[in-house]
Protein backbone atom coordinates (compact mmCIF):
# COMPACT_ATOMS: atom_id res chain seq x y z
CA MET A 1 98.25 2.87 -61.15
CA SER A 2 94.76 2.27 -62.56
CA ILE A 3 94.17 -0.20 -65.38
CA ALA A 4 90.95 -1.20 -67.09
CA GLY A 5 90.33 -4.15 -69.34
CA GLY A 6 87.84 -6.70 -70.50
CA CYS A 7 86.91 -9.53 -72.77
CA HIS A 8 86.70 -9.50 -76.57
CA CYS A 9 82.92 -9.00 -76.79
CA GLY A 10 82.71 -6.42 -73.98
CA ALA A 11 80.35 -8.43 -71.75
CA VAL A 12 82.95 -8.51 -68.94
CA ARG A 13 84.94 -5.47 -67.84
CA TYR A 14 87.34 -5.12 -64.92
CA ALA A 15 89.37 -2.47 -63.09
CA VAL A 16 92.73 -2.82 -61.33
CA GLU A 17 94.14 -0.42 -58.73
CA GLY A 18 97.73 -0.50 -57.51
CA GLU A 19 101.09 -1.74 -58.62
CA PRO A 20 101.54 -5.21 -60.08
CA MET A 21 103.66 -7.73 -58.20
CA THR A 22 105.13 -9.04 -61.46
CA HIS A 23 104.35 -9.56 -65.14
CA ALA A 24 105.47 -12.85 -66.62
CA LEU A 25 105.14 -14.67 -69.93
CA CYS A 26 104.09 -18.22 -69.08
CA HIS A 27 105.07 -21.12 -71.30
CA CYS A 28 103.43 -23.95 -69.32
CA SER A 29 101.35 -26.47 -71.24
CA ASP A 30 98.20 -25.66 -69.23
CA CYS A 31 98.32 -21.97 -70.19
CA ARG A 32 99.16 -22.78 -73.81
CA ARG A 33 96.36 -25.27 -74.22
CA HIS A 34 93.78 -23.12 -72.45
CA ALA A 35 94.62 -20.05 -74.56
CA GLY A 36 95.45 -21.85 -77.79
CA ALA A 37 98.60 -19.72 -77.92
CA PRO A 38 102.34 -20.42 -77.57
CA MET A 39 102.47 -18.47 -74.28
CA VAL A 40 100.25 -16.33 -72.07
CA ALA A 41 101.17 -13.05 -70.38
CA TRP A 42 100.06 -12.78 -66.73
CA THR A 43 100.22 -9.80 -64.40
CA MET A 44 100.00 -10.68 -60.71
CA TYR A 45 98.16 -8.55 -58.14
CA PRO A 46 96.75 -8.93 -54.64
CA ASP A 47 93.20 -10.24 -55.06
CA ALA A 48 91.70 -7.08 -53.52
CA ALA A 49 93.23 -4.90 -56.28
CA VAL A 50 90.93 -6.31 -58.97
CA ARG A 51 87.19 -5.94 -59.36
CA VAL A 52 84.80 -6.90 -62.12
CA THR A 53 82.90 -3.75 -63.12
CA LYS A 54 80.56 -5.24 -65.73
CA GLY A 55 79.16 -8.72 -66.25
CA ALA A 56 80.35 -11.85 -64.52
CA VAL A 57 83.10 -14.34 -65.15
CA ARG A 58 82.65 -18.06 -65.45
CA VAL A 59 85.07 -20.33 -63.55
CA TYR A 60 86.79 -23.35 -65.05
CA VAL A 61 88.52 -25.77 -62.66
CA SER A 62 91.65 -26.36 -64.73
CA SER A 63 93.62 -28.39 -62.18
CA GLU A 64 93.37 -29.55 -58.58
CA HIS A 65 93.90 -26.01 -57.28
CA GLY A 66 93.85 -23.85 -60.42
CA ARG A 67 90.81 -21.78 -61.35
CA ARG A 68 90.64 -19.99 -64.70
CA GLU A 69 88.03 -17.27 -65.09
CA PHE A 70 86.68 -16.29 -68.50
CA CYS A 71 83.82 -14.61 -70.34
CA ALA A 72 81.02 -17.12 -70.89
CA ASP A 73 79.88 -15.25 -74.01
CA CYS A 74 83.08 -14.98 -76.08
CA GLY A 75 85.45 -17.29 -74.19
CA THR A 76 88.17 -14.73 -73.49
CA GLY A 77 90.42 -15.86 -70.63
CA LEU A 78 90.76 -13.14 -68.01
CA PHE A 79 91.95 -14.33 -64.58
CA TYR A 80 93.74 -17.20 -62.85
CA ARG A 81 93.68 -18.10 -59.15
CA ASN A 82 95.35 -20.86 -57.17
CA GLU A 83 94.62 -20.51 -53.45
CA GLU A 84 96.94 -23.42 -52.61
CA ASN A 85 100.10 -22.06 -54.27
CA LEU A 86 99.26 -18.32 -54.53
CA PRO A 87 96.88 -17.47 -51.68
CA GLY A 88 95.29 -14.03 -51.97
CA ILE A 89 96.74 -13.52 -55.47
CA ILE A 90 95.02 -13.05 -58.82
CA ASP A 91 96.71 -13.24 -62.21
CA ILE A 92 95.27 -11.18 -65.05
CA GLN A 93 95.84 -12.01 -68.70
CA SER A 94 97.51 -8.72 -69.52
CA ALA A 95 96.65 -8.85 -73.22
CA THR A 96 93.07 -8.09 -72.09
CA TYR A 97 94.07 -4.65 -70.76
CA ASP A 98 92.68 -1.71 -72.72
CA ASN A 99 96.32 -0.62 -72.90
CA PRO A 100 98.48 -3.77 -72.96
CA ASP A 101 101.61 -1.58 -72.94
CA ALA A 102 100.73 -0.29 -69.45
CA VAL A 103 102.84 -2.92 -67.66
CA PRO A 104 105.94 -4.24 -69.46
CA ALA A 105 106.68 -7.96 -69.14
CA GLN A 106 109.50 -8.79 -66.74
CA ALA A 107 110.25 -12.49 -67.22
CA HIS A 108 109.59 -15.74 -69.05
CA ILE A 109 108.41 -18.52 -66.71
CA GLN A 110 107.83 -22.26 -67.07
CA VAL A 111 110.37 -22.37 -69.91
CA ALA A 112 110.97 -26.05 -69.15
CA GLU A 113 107.67 -26.56 -71.01
CA ARG A 114 108.26 -23.96 -73.73
CA ILE A 115 107.60 -24.98 -77.35
CA SER A 116 111.09 -25.37 -78.82
CA TRP A 117 110.60 -22.92 -81.71
CA MET A 118 109.55 -20.17 -79.27
CA ALA A 119 113.16 -19.83 -78.07
CA ASP A 120 114.07 -18.18 -81.38
CA ALA A 121 110.71 -16.62 -82.31
CA HIS A 122 112.18 -13.13 -81.97
CA THR A 123 114.45 -13.85 -84.97
CA LEU A 124 111.59 -14.50 -87.43
CA PRO A 125 110.84 -11.93 -90.16
CA THR A 126 108.36 -9.23 -89.13
CA PHE A 127 105.65 -7.39 -91.08
CA ASP A 128 103.46 -4.45 -90.07
CA ARG A 129 100.43 -6.44 -91.22
CA PHE A 130 100.89 -9.45 -93.54
CA PRO A 131 103.78 -10.78 -95.63
CA PRO A 132 103.68 -9.98 -99.35
CA MET A 133 101.71 -12.49 -101.39
CA ASP A 134 103.76 -14.23 -104.09
CA GLY A 135 102.25 -14.89 -107.48
């Protein structure tokens, strides 16, 4: 499997070759706060499967062993590494794939830290774009 992706502004592009190890939706507070989102989708690969094809990432030391890599121009989060807990592994924020449907999510992780209303988020009303405006 080949997957391409990149940041919001296009300054950083990457390519992935091979099958993912897993694809999980992470609810931990670190991921939430870094992304400013209720959860972050991560696809895990061996480090050698991923290469940056355009630009360069900036590294943020987010914890003792965690390293978050992002575009310095637009701020898009792209990769996560933790050599202590996940040696030789890279996580990719799968929403940055050109085709985010390429790898379906397989699990929710770190649900002990999940925002309580996320447990029932799938029951909320849905709209193709925006809800109708009253008045």
